[in-house]
Amino acid sequence: MGIKEGSKQGGKYMVYRRRLYIIKPEKLDEFNDFFHTYLYPNQIKHGSKLIGRWVNEIKMKL
Protein backbone atom coordinates (compact mmCIF):
# COMPACT_ATOMS: atom_id res chain seq x y z
CA MET A 1 0.00 0.00 0.00
CA GLY A 2 1.28 3.47 -0.66
CA ILE A 3 0.52 7.03 -1.52
CA LYS A 4 1.48 8.07 -5.01
CA GLU A 5 2.82 11.58 -5.31
CA GLY A 6 0.57 13.69 -7.48
CA SER A 7 -2.52 11.59 -6.84
CA LYS A 8 -4.23 14.31 -4.82
CA GLN A 9 -7.91 14.48 -5.63
CA GLY A 10 -10.40 16.82 -3.99
CA GLY A 11 -7.96 17.75 -1.25
CA LYS A 12 -7.39 14.12 -0.26
CA TYR A 13 -4.67 11.71 -1.29
CA MET A 14 -5.62 8.48 -2.99
CA VAL A 15 -4.23 5.27 -1.52
CA TYR A 16 -3.53 2.43 -3.95
CA ARG A 17 -3.33 -1.19 -2.85
CA ARG A 18 -2.04 -3.97 -5.03
CA ARG A 19 -2.89 -7.52 -4.14
CA LEU A 20 -1.45 -10.63 -5.80
CA TYR A 21 -3.29 -13.93 -5.70
CA ILE A 22 -1.51 -17.11 -6.81
CA ILE A 23 -3.90 -19.89 -7.74
CA LYS A 24 -3.96 -23.17 -9.61
CA PRO A 25 -4.81 -22.35 -13.24
CA GLU A 26 -7.73 -24.78 -13.23
CA LYS A 27 -9.28 -22.83 -10.32
CA LEU A 28 -9.49 -19.51 -12.21
CA ASP A 29 -13.24 -19.68 -12.88
CA GLU A 30 -13.96 -20.70 -9.29
CA PHE A 31 -11.77 -17.88 -7.96
CA ASN A 32 -13.46 -15.34 -10.28
CA ASP A 33 -16.87 -16.40 -8.96
CA PHE A 34 -15.62 -16.03 -5.38
CA PHE A 35 -14.10 -12.64 -6.16
CA HIS A 36 -17.25 -11.23 -7.76
CA THR A 37 -19.59 -12.76 -5.16
CA TYR A 38 -17.70 -11.98 -1.93
CA LEU A 39 -14.44 -10.05 -2.23
CA TYR A 40 -15.40 -7.27 -4.64
CA PRO A 41 -18.78 -6.41 -3.02
CA ASN A 42 -17.09 -6.22 0.38
CA GLN A 43 -14.44 -3.84 -0.96
CA ILE A 44 -17.08 -1.61 -2.58
CA LYS A 45 -19.09 -1.61 0.65
CA HIS A 46 -16.08 -0.12 2.45
CA GLY A 47 -15.46 2.58 -0.14
CA SER A 48 -12.82 0.99 -2.36
CA LYS A 49 -12.69 1.38 -6.12
CA LEU A 50 -11.33 -1.26 -8.45
CA ILE A 51 -9.04 0.38 -10.99
CA GLY A 52 -7.81 -2.78 -12.69
CA ARG A 53 -7.55 -6.53 -12.57
CA TRP A 54 -5.12 -8.63 -14.59
CA VAL A 55 -4.33 -12.32 -15.09
CA ASN A 56 -1.02 -13.62 -16.43
CA GLU A 57 -0.88 -15.83 -19.54
CA ILE A 58 -0.78 -19.12 -17.66
CA LYS A 59 -3.77 -18.08 -15.52
CA MET A 60 -1.88 -18.54 -12.29
CA LYS A 61 -1.35 -15.01 -10.98
CA LEU A 62 -4.06 -12.45 -10.55
PDB file of N, CA and C in Angstrom:
ATOM      1  N   MET A   1       0.844  -1.160   0.000  1.00  0.00           N
ATOM      2  CA  MET A   1       0.000   0.000   0.000  1.00  0.00           C
ATOM      3  C   MET A   1       0.892   1.226   0.000  1.00  0.00           C
ATOM      4  N   GLY A   2       0.476   2.270  -0.668  1.00  0.00           N
ATOM      5  CA  GLY A   2       1.281   3.468  -0.659  1.00  0.00           C
ATOM      6  C   GLY A   2       0.530   4.652  -1.206  1.00  0.00           C
ATOM      7  N   ILE A   3       1.090   5.807  -0.986  1.00  0.00           N
ATOM      8  CA  ILE A   3       0.517   7.026  -1.517  1.00  0.00           C
ATOM      9  C   ILE A   3       1.371   7.469  -2.682  1.00  0.00           C
ATOM     10  N   LYS A   4       0.759   7.632  -3.820  1.00  0.00           N
ATOM     11  CA  LYS A   4       1.482   8.065  -5.005  1.00  0.00           C
ATOM     12  C   LYS A   4       1.509   9.582  -5.038  1.00  0.00           C
ATOM     13  N   GLU A   5       2.680  10.137  -5.204  1.00  0.00           N
ATOM     14  CA  GLU A   5       2.820  11.576  -5.312  1.00  0.00           C
ATOM     15  C   GLU A   5       2.045  12.053  -6.533  1.00  0.00           C
ATOM     16  N   GLY A   6       1.317  13.142  -6.366  1.00  0.00           N
ATOM     17  CA  GLY A   6       0.568  13.686  -7.480  1.00  0.00           C
ATOM     18  C   GLY A   6      -0.801  13.051  -7.650  1.00  0.00           C
ATOM     19  N   SER A   7      -1.211  12.212  -6.719  1.00  0.00           N
ATOM     20  CA  SER A   7      -2.520  11.589  -6.838  1.00  0.00           C
ATOM     21  C   SER A   7      -3.541  12.273  -5.937  1.00  0.00           C
ATOM     22  N   LYS A   8      -3.320  13.556  -5.665  1.00  0.00           N
ATOM     23  CA  LYS A   8      -4.228  14.312  -4.815  1.00  0.00           C
ATOM     24  C   LYS A   8      -5.508  14.594  -5.588  1.00  0.00           C
ATOM     25  N   GLN A   9      -6.634  14.295  -4.973  1.00  0.00           N
ATOM     26  CA  GLN A   9      -7.915  14.478  -5.635  1.00  0.00           C
ATOM     27  C   GLN A   9      -8.902  15.044  -4.615  1.00  0.00           C
ATOM     28  N   GLY A  10      -9.428  16.225  -4.897  1.00  0.00           N
ATOM     29  CA  GLY A  10     -10.402  16.822  -3.993  1.00  0.00           C
ATOM     30  C   GLY A  10      -9.843  17.118  -2.619  1.00  0.00           C
ATOM     31  N   GLY A  11      -8.565  17.445  -2.537  1.00  0.00           N
ATOM     32  CA  GLY A  11      -7.956  17.752  -1.247  1.00  0.00           C
ATOM     33  C   GLY A  11      -7.525  16.540  -0.449  1.00  0.00           C
ATOM     34  N   LYS A  12      -7.768  15.354  -0.965  1.00  0.00           N
ATOM     35  CA  LYS A  12      -7.392  14.124  -0.262  1.00  0.00           C
ATOM     36  C   LYS A  12      -6.452  13.322  -1.143  1.00  0.00           C
ATOM     37  N   TYR A  13      -5.562  12.585  -0.529  1.00  0.00           N
ATOM     38  CA  TYR A  13      -4.669  11.714  -1.290  1.00  0.00           C
ATOM     39  C   TYR A  13      -5.330  10.368  -1.497  1.00  0.00           C
ATOM     40  N   MET A  14      -5.107   9.807  -2.671  1.00  0.00           N
ATOM     41  CA  MET A  14      -5.616   8.481  -2.986  1.00  0.00           C
ATOM     42  C   MET A  14      -4.599   7.441  -2.505  1.00  0.00           C
ATOM     43  N   VAL A  15      -5.081   6.373  -1.953  1.00  0.00           N
ATOM     44  CA  VAL A  15      -4.229   5.274  -1.518  1.00  0.00           C
ATOM     45  C   VAL A  15      -4.484   4.107  -2.467  1.00  0.00           C
ATOM     46  N   TYR A  16      -3.420   3.551  -3.028  1.00  0.00           N
ATOM     47  CA  TYR A  16      -3.534   2.432  -3.949  1.00  0.00           C
ATOM     48  C   TYR A  16      -3.013   1.177  -3.268  1.00  0.00           C
ATOM     49  N   ARG A  17      -3.751   0.092  -3.419  1.00  0.00           N
ATOM     50  CA  ARG A  17      -3.333  -1.188  -2.852  1.00  0.00           C
ATOM     51  C   ARG A  17      -3.275  -2.193  -3.983  1.00  0.00           C
ATOM     52  N   ARG A  18      -2.192  -2.915  -4.020  1.00  0.00           N
ATOM     53  CA  ARG A  18      -2.040  -3.970  -5.033  1.00  0.00           C
ATOM     54  C   ARG A  18      -2.009  -5.306  -4.323  1.00  0.00           C
ATOM     55  N   ARG A  19      -2.830  -6.219  -4.759  1.00  0.00           N
ATOM     56  CA  ARG A  19      -2.891  -7.522  -4.141  1.00  0.00           C
ATOM     57  C   ARG A  19      -2.619  -8.582  -5.196  1.00  0.00           C
ATOM     58  N   LEU A  20      -1.790  -9.554  -4.872  1.00  0.00           N
ATOM     59  CA  LEU A  20      -1.449 -10.628  -5.800  1.00  0.00           C
ATOM     60  C   LEU A  20      -1.990 -11.942  -5.245  1.00  0.00           C
ATOM     61  N   TYR A  21      -2.783 -12.618  -6.053  1.00  0.00           N
ATOM     62  CA  TYR A  21      -3.295 -13.934  -5.699  1.00  0.00           C
ATOM     63  C   TYR A  21      -2.610 -14.942  -6.605  1.00  0.00           C
ATOM     64  N   ILE A  22      -2.102 -16.017  -6.028  1.00  0.00           N
ATOM     65  CA  ILE A  22      -1.507 -17.108  -6.808  1.00  0.00           C
ATOM     66  C   ILE A  22      -2.429 -18.310  -6.639  1.00  0.00           C
ATOM     67  N   ILE A  23      -2.929 -18.800  -7.761  1.00  0.00           N
ATOM     68  CA  ILE A  23      -3.905 -19.893  -7.739  1.00  0.00           C
ATOM     69  C   ILE A  23      -3.485 -20.986  -8.715  1.00  0.00           C
ATOM     70  N   LYS A  24      -4.136 -22.120  -8.606  1.00  0.00           N
ATOM     71  CA  LYS A  24      -3.958 -23.170  -9.607  1.00  0.00           C
ATOM     72  C   LYS A  24      -4.745 -22.733 -10.838  1.00  0.00           C
ATOM     73  N   PRO A  25      -4.131 -22.822 -12.030  1.00  0.00           N
ATOM     74  CA  PRO A  25      -4.812 -22.351 -13.239  1.00  0.00           C
ATOM     75  C   PRO A  25      -6.226 -22.926 -13.432  1.00  0.00           C
ATOM     76  N   GLU A  26      -6.415 -24.171 -13.049  1.00  0.00           N
ATOM     77  CA  GLU A  26      -7.733 -24.784 -13.231  1.00  0.00           C
ATOM     78  C   GLU A  26      -8.792 -24.225 -12.270  1.00  0.00           C
ATOM     79  N   LYS A  27      -8.361 -23.433 -11.294  1.00  0.00           N
ATOM     80  CA  LYS A  27      -9.284 -22.834 -10.318  1.00  0.00           C
ATOM     81  C   LYS A  27      -9.658 -21.396 -10.673  1.00  0.00           C
ATOM     82  N   LEU A  28      -9.242 -20.903 -11.845  1.00  0.00           N
ATOM     83  CA  LEU A  28      -9.488 -19.511 -12.211  1.00  0.00           C
ATOM     84  C   LEU A  28     -10.982 -19.162 -12.205  1.00  0.00           C
ATOM     85  N   ASP A  29     -11.807 -19.976 -12.840  1.00  0.00           N
ATOM     86  CA  ASP A  29     -13.243 -19.678 -12.883  1.00  0.00           C
ATOM     87  C   ASP A  29     -13.850 -19.668 -11.478  1.00  0.00           C
ATOM     88  N   GLU A  30     -13.459 -20.627 -10.672  1.00  0.00           N
ATOM     89  CA  GLU A  30     -13.959 -20.704  -9.293  1.00  0.00           C
ATOM     90  C   GLU A  30     -13.514 -19.470  -8.495  1.00  0.00           C
ATOM     91  N   PHE A  31     -12.260 -19.069  -8.662  1.00  0.00           N
ATOM     92  CA  PHE A  31     -11.770 -17.878  -7.961  1.00  0.00           C
ATOM     93  C   PHE A  31     -12.508 -16.633  -8.437  1.00  0.00           C
ATOM     94  N   ASN A  32     -12.734 -16.499  -9.753  1.00  0.00           N
ATOM     95  CA  ASN A  32     -13.460 -15.339 -10.277  1.00  0.00           C
ATOM     96  C   ASN A  32     -14.863 -15.252  -9.692  1.00  0.00           C
ATOM     97  N   ASP A  33     -15.545 -16.391  -9.585  1.00  0.00           N
ATOM     98  CA  ASP A  33     -16.870 -16.403  -8.959  1.00  0.00           C
ATOM     99  C   ASP A  33     -16.790 -15.925  -7.515  1.00  0.00           C
ATOM    100  N   PHE A  34     -15.808 -16.434  -6.775  1.00  0.00           N
ATOM    101  CA  PHE A  34     -15.621 -16.035  -5.379  1.00  0.00           C
ATOM    102  C   PHE A  34     -15.316 -14.539  -5.280  1.00  0.00           C
ATOM    103  N   PHE A  35     -14.464 -14.054  -6.164  1.00  0.00           N
ATOM    104  CA  PHE A  35     -14.098 -12.641  -6.158  1.00  0.00           C
ATOM    105  C   PHE A  35     -15.323 -11.763  -6.376  1.00  0.00           C
ATOM    106  N   HIS A  36     -16.099 -12.076  -7.414  1.00  0.00           N
ATOM    107  CA  HIS A  36     -17.247 -11.233  -7.756  1.00  0.00           C
ATOM    108  C   HIS A  36     -18.419 -11.390  -6.780  1.00  0.00           C
ATOM    109  N   THR A  37     -18.504 -12.532  -6.102  1.00  0.00           N
ATOM    110  CA  THR A  37     -19.591 -12.763  -5.159  1.00  0.00           C
ATOM    111  C   THR A  37     -19.286 -12.219  -3.763  1.00  0.00           C
ATOM    112  N   TYR A  38     -18.034 -12.336  -3.311  1.00  0.00           N
ATOM    113  CA  TYR A  38     -17.698 -11.977  -1.930  1.00  0.00           C
ATOM    114  C   TYR A  38     -16.668 -10.855  -1.803  1.00  0.00           C
ATOM    115  N   LEU A  39     -15.523 -11.006  -2.442  1.00  0.00           N
ATOM    116  CA  LEU A  39     -14.440 -10.045  -2.228  1.00  0.00           C
ATOM    117  C   LEU A  39     -14.762  -8.653  -2.754  1.00  0.00           C
ATOM    118  N   TYR A  40     -15.148  -8.566  -4.013  1.00  0.00           N
ATOM    119  CA  TYR A  40     -15.401  -7.268  -4.640  1.00  0.00           C
ATOM    120  C   TYR A  40     -16.550  -6.508  -3.951  1.00  0.00           C
ATOM    121  N   PRO A  41     -17.712  -7.142  -3.700  1.00  0.00           N
ATOM    122  CA  PRO A  41     -18.785  -6.406  -3.022  1.00  0.00           C
ATOM    123  C   PRO A  41     -18.365  -5.892  -1.644  1.00  0.00           C
ATOM    124  N   ASN A  42     -17.563  -6.649  -0.935  1.00  0.00           N
ATOM    125  CA  ASN A  42     -17.093  -6.217   0.383  1.00  0.00           C
ATOM    126  C   ASN A  42     -16.170  -5.004   0.262  1.00  0.00           C
ATOM    127  N   GLN A  43     -15.320  -4.984  -0.752  1.00  0.00           N
ATOM    128  CA  GLN A  43     -14.435  -3.836  -0.957  1.00  0.00           C
ATOM    129  C   GLN A  43     -15.244  -2.593  -1.320  1.00  0.00           C
ATOM    130  N   ILE A  44     -16.227  -2.731  -2.179  1.00  0.00           N
ATOM    131  CA  ILE A  44     -17.080  -1.609  -2.576  1.00  0.00           C
ATOM    132  C   ILE A  44     -17.855  -1.081  -1.365  1.00  0.00           C
ATOM    133  N   LYS A  45     -18.342  -1.980  -0.558  1.00  0.00           N
ATOM    134  CA  LYS A  45     -19.091  -1.612   0.650  1.00  0.00           C
ATOM    135  C   LYS A  45     -18.274  -0.705   1.569  1.00  0.00           C
ATOM    136  N   HIS A  46     -16.967  -0.899   1.580  1.00  0.00           N
ATOM    137  CA  HIS A  46     -16.081  -0.123   2.446  1.00  0.00           C
ATOM    138  C   HIS A  46     -15.402   1.036   1.722  1.00  0.00           C
ATOM    139  N   GLY A  47     -15.916   1.389   0.542  1.00  0.00           N
ATOM    140  CA  GLY A  47     -15.455   2.585  -0.143  1.00  0.00           C
ATOM    141  C   GLY A  47     -14.306   2.423  -1.124  1.00  0.00           C
ATOM    142  N   SER A  48     -13.908   1.205  -1.404  1.00  0.00           N
ATOM    143  CA  SER A  48     -12.817   0.987  -2.360  1.00  0.00           C
ATOM    144  C   SER A  48     -13.317   1.093  -3.783  1.00  0.00           C
ATOM    145  N   LYS A  49     -12.396   1.370  -4.690  1.00  0.00           N
ATOM    146  CA  LYS A  49     -12.690   1.378  -6.121  1.00  0.00           C
ATOM    147  C   LYS A  49     -11.711   0.441  -6.798  1.00  0.00           C
ATOM    148  N   LEU A  50     -12.204  -0.377  -7.686  1.00  0.00           N
ATOM    149  CA  LEU A  50     -11.333  -1.261  -8.447  1.00  0.00           C
ATOM    150  C   LEU A  50     -10.874  -0.506  -9.692  1.00  0.00           C
ATOM    151  N   ILE A  51      -9.555  -0.346  -9.831  1.00  0.00           N
ATOM    152  CA  ILE A  51      -9.045   0.382 -10.994  1.00  0.00           C
ATOM    153  C   ILE A  51      -8.449  -0.555 -12.037  1.00  0.00           C
ATOM    154  N   GLY A  52      -8.337  -1.838 -11.724  1.00  0.00           N
ATOM    155  CA  GLY A  52      -7.813  -2.782 -12.693  1.00  0.00           C
ATOM    156  C   GLY A  52      -7.688  -4.171 -12.105  1.00  0.00           C
ATOM    157  N   ARG A  53      -7.718  -5.145 -12.980  1.00  0.00           N
ATOM    158  CA  ARG A  53      -7.550  -6.535 -12.572  1.00  0.00           C
ATOM    159  C   ARG A  53      -6.945  -7.278 -13.748  1.00  0.00           C
ATOM    160  N   TRP A  54      -5.855  -7.974 -13.514  1.00  0.00           N
ATOM    161  CA  TRP A  54      -5.123  -8.634 -14.588  1.00  0.00           C
ATOM    162  C   TRP A  54      -4.836 -10.077 -14.226  1.00  0.00           C
ATOM    163  N   VAL A  55      -4.690 -10.914 -15.259  1.00  0.00           N
ATOM    164  CA  VAL A  55      -4.330 -12.321 -15.095  1.00  0.00           C
ATOM    165  C   VAL A  55      -3.166 -12.593 -16.036  1.00  0.00           C
ATOM    166  N   ASN A  56      -2.144 -13.317 -15.536  1.00  0.00           N
ATOM    167  CA  ASN A  56      -1.020 -13.625 -16.427  1.00  0.00           C
ATOM    168  C   ASN A  56      -1.424 -14.699 -17.452  1.00  0.00           C
ATOM    169  N   GLU A  57      -0.557 -14.938 -18.418  1.00  0.00           N
ATOM    170  CA  GLU A  57      -0.881 -15.827 -19.538  1.00  0.00           C
ATOM    171  C   GLU A  57      -1.174 -17.263 -19.129  1.00  0.00           C
ATOM    172  N   ILE A  58      -0.541 -17.736 -18.068  1.00  0.00           N
ATOM    173  CA  ILE A  58      -0.780 -19.121 -17.659  1.00  0.00           C
ATOM    174  C   ILE A  58      -1.886 -19.225 -16.609  1.00  0.00           C
ATOM    175  N   LYS A  59      -2.602 -18.139 -16.406  1.00  0.00           N
ATOM    176  CA  LYS A  59      -3.772 -18.081 -15.523  1.00  0.00           C
ATOM    177  C   LYS A  59      -3.453 -18.545 -14.116  1.00  0.00           C
ATOM    178  N   MET A  60      -2.290 -18.121 -13.618  1.00  0.00           N
ATOM    179  CA  MET A  60      -1.875 -18.545 -12.294  1.00  0.00           C
ATOM    180  C   MET A  60      -1.766 -17.364 -11.332  1.00  0.00           C
ATOM    181  N   LYS A  61      -1.498 -16.173 -11.847  1.00  0.00           N
ATOM    182  CA  LYS A  61      -1.346 -15.009 -10.984  1.00  0.00           C
ATOM    183  C   LYS A  61      -2.372 -13.967 -11.364  1.00  0.00           C
ATOM    184  N   LEU A  62      -3.068 -13.491 -10.364  1.00  0.00           N
ATOM    185  CA  LEU A  62      -4.063 -12.447 -10.552  1.00  0.00           C
ATOM    186  C   LEU A  62      -3.645 -11.240  -9.750  1.00  0.00           C
TER     187      LEU A  62
END
